[in-house]
Amino acid sequence: MKTIQITIDESLLDEVDRATRDLKTNRSAFIREAVKLALQRSLIGRLEAAHAKGYADKPVAPGEFDIWEDEQAWGQP
């Protein structure tokens, strides 16, 4: 692990400290987890944008998936 320095607003640091007390963890572990979650959110955003671009570039054609309708199970009684 590498030690780094960051600059953070005092009010945000106060919130971090409250959260770390509540979660019984420390600042470093809390911030590491927050960074991991931010990176995951960023990745998901990029993947969703690529997915949307794919459908925008090549939209589903009418009737393209009709052949699969009989294969769908909708849980109807």
C-alpha atoms as a PDB file:
ATOM      1  CA  MET A   1       0.000   0.000   0.000  1.00  0.00           C
ATOM      2  CA  LYS A   2       1.083   3.524  -0.675  1.00  0.00           C
ATOM      3  CA  THR A   3       0.533   6.488   1.628  1.00  0.00           C
ATOM      4  CA  ILE A   4      -0.853   9.642  -0.007  1.00  0.00           C
ATOM      5  CA  GLN A   5      -1.944  13.083   1.126  1.00  0.00           C
ATOM      6  CA  ILE A   6      -5.270  14.614   0.176  1.00  0.00           C
ATOM      7  CA  THR A   7      -6.935  17.943   0.777  1.00  0.00           C
ATOM      8  CA  ILE A   8     -10.496  17.770   2.074  1.00  0.00           C
ATOM      9  CA  ASP A   9     -13.002  20.325   3.358  1.00  0.00           C
ATOM     10  CA  GLU A  10     -13.339  20.279   7.141  1.00  0.00           C
ATOM     11  CA  SER A  11     -17.097  19.707   6.977  1.00  0.00           C
ATOM     12  CA  LEU A  12     -16.613  16.691   4.705  1.00  0.00           C
ATOM     13  CA  LEU A  13     -13.906  15.347   7.007  1.00  0.00           C
ATOM     14  CA  ASP A  14     -16.301  15.721   9.940  1.00  0.00           C
ATOM     15  CA  GLU A  15     -18.843  13.613   8.053  1.00  0.00           C
ATOM     16  CA  VAL A  16     -16.176  11.011   7.269  1.00  0.00           C
ATOM     17  CA  ASP A  17     -15.174  10.885  10.921  1.00  0.00           C
ATOM     18  CA  ARG A  18     -18.796  10.406  12.024  1.00  0.00           C
ATOM     19  CA  ALA A  19     -19.257   7.638   9.483  1.00  0.00           C
ATOM     20  CA  THR A  20     -16.043   5.887  10.492  1.00  0.00           C
ATOM     21  CA  ARG A  21     -17.141   5.912  14.129  1.00  0.00           C
ATOM     22  CA  ASP A  22     -20.560   4.523  13.209  1.00  0.00           C
ATOM     23  CA  LEU A  23     -19.013   1.849  10.987  1.00  0.00           C
ATOM     24  CA  LYS A  24     -16.205   1.096  13.454  1.00  0.00           C
ATOM     25  CA  THR A  25     -13.527   1.605  10.824  1.00  0.00           C
ATOM     26  CA  ASN A  26     -10.855   4.198  10.136  1.00  0.00           C
ATOM     27  CA  ARG A  27     -10.461   7.053   7.672  1.00  0.00           C
ATOM     28  CA  SER A  28      -8.121   5.183   5.362  1.00  0.00           C
ATOM     29  CA  ALA A  29     -10.372   2.121   5.050  1.00  0.00           C
ATOM     30  CA  PHE A  30     -13.448   4.314   4.604  1.00  0.00           C
ATOM     31  CA  ILE A  31     -11.829   6.428   1.895  1.00  0.00           C
ATOM     32  CA  ARG A  32     -10.428   3.347   0.114  1.00  0.00           C
ATOM     33  CA  GLU A  33     -13.935   1.879  -0.025  1.00  0.00           C
ATOM     34  CA  ALA A  34     -15.383   5.206  -1.214  1.00  0.00           C
ATOM     35  CA  VAL A  35     -12.812   5.365  -4.022  1.00  0.00           C
ATOM     36  CA  LYS A  36     -13.589   1.760  -5.037  1.00  0.00           C
ATOM     37  CA  LEU A  37     -17.307   2.569  -5.180  1.00  0.00           C
ATOM     38  CA  ALA A  38     -16.648   5.728  -7.209  1.00  0.00           C
ATOM     39  CA  LEU A  39     -14.551   3.738  -9.688  1.00  0.00           C
ATOM     40  CA  GLN A  40     -17.291   1.096  -9.975  1.00  0.00           C
ATOM     41  CA  ARG A  41     -19.895   3.804 -10.583  1.00  0.00           C
ATOM     42  CA  SER A  42     -17.672   5.344 -13.244  1.00  0.00           C
ATOM     43  CA  LEU A  43     -17.233   1.984 -14.977  1.00  0.00           C
ATOM     44  CA  ILE A  44     -20.968   1.287 -14.884  1.00  0.00           C
ATOM     45  CA  GLY A  45     -21.632   4.720 -16.375  1.00  0.00           C
ATOM     46  CA  ARG A  46     -19.201   4.079 -19.232  1.00  0.00           C
ATOM     47  CA  LEU A  47     -20.683   0.622 -19.888  1.00  0.00           C
ATOM     48  CA  GLU A  48     -24.236   2.008 -19.878  1.00  0.00           C
ATOM     49  CA  ALA A  49     -23.199   4.763 -22.294  1.00  0.00           C
ATOM     50  CA  ALA A  50     -21.593   2.202 -24.612  1.00  0.00           C
ATOM     51  CA  HIS A  51     -24.725   0.043 -24.410  1.00  0.00           C
ATOM     52  CA  ALA A  52     -26.967   2.994 -25.246  1.00  0.00           C
ATOM     53  CA  LYS A  53     -24.658   4.009 -28.112  1.00  0.00           C
ATOM     54  CA  GLY A  54     -24.817   0.479 -29.503  1.00  0.00           C
ATOM     55  CA  TYR A  55     -28.617   0.567 -29.607  1.00  0.00           C
ATOM     56  CA  ALA A  56     -28.569   4.106 -31.022  1.00  0.00           C
ATOM     57  CA  ASP A  57     -26.124   3.065 -33.747  1.00  0.00           C
ATOM     58  CA  LYS A  58     -27.980  -0.146 -34.546  1.00  0.00           C
ATOM     59  CA  PRO A  59     -31.564   0.005 -33.261  1.00  0.00           C
ATOM     60  CA  VAL A  60     -33.664  -3.121 -32.941  1.00  0.00           C
ATOM     61  CA  ALA A  61     -35.547  -3.765 -36.142  1.00  0.00           C
ATOM     62  CA  PRO A  62     -39.313  -4.321 -35.971  1.00  0.00           C
ATOM     63  CA  GLY A  63     -39.929  -8.050 -35.587  1.00  0.00           C
ATOM     64  CA  GLU A  64     -36.256  -8.800 -34.915  1.00  0.00           C
ATOM     65  CA  PHE A  65     -36.988 -10.763 -31.742  1.00  0.00           C
ATOM     66  CA  ASP A  66     -40.481 -12.057 -32.539  1.00  0.00           C
ATOM     67  CA  ILE A  67     -39.133 -15.586 -32.952  1.00  0.00           C
ATOM     68  CA  TRP A  68     -38.343 -15.651 -29.222  1.00  0.00           C
ATOM     69  CA  GLU A  69     -41.803 -14.693 -27.953  1.00  0.00           C
ATOM     70  CA  ASP A  70     -42.892 -18.298 -27.470  1.00  0.00           C
ATOM     71  CA  GLU A  71     -39.762 -18.948 -25.385  1.00  0.00           C
ATOM     72  CA  GLN A  72     -40.565 -16.283 -22.801  1.00  0.00           C
ATOM     73  CA  ALA A  73     -42.047 -17.373 -19.490  1.00  0.00           C
ATOM     74  CA  TRP A  74     -43.989 -14.537 -17.898  1.00  0.00           C
ATOM     75  CA  GLY A  75     -45.267 -16.514 -14.928  1.00  0.00           C
ATOM     76  CA  GLN A  76     -48.901 -16.305 -15.942  1.00  0.00           C
ATOM     77  CA  PRO A  77     -51.198 -18.864 -14.285  1.00  0.00           C
END
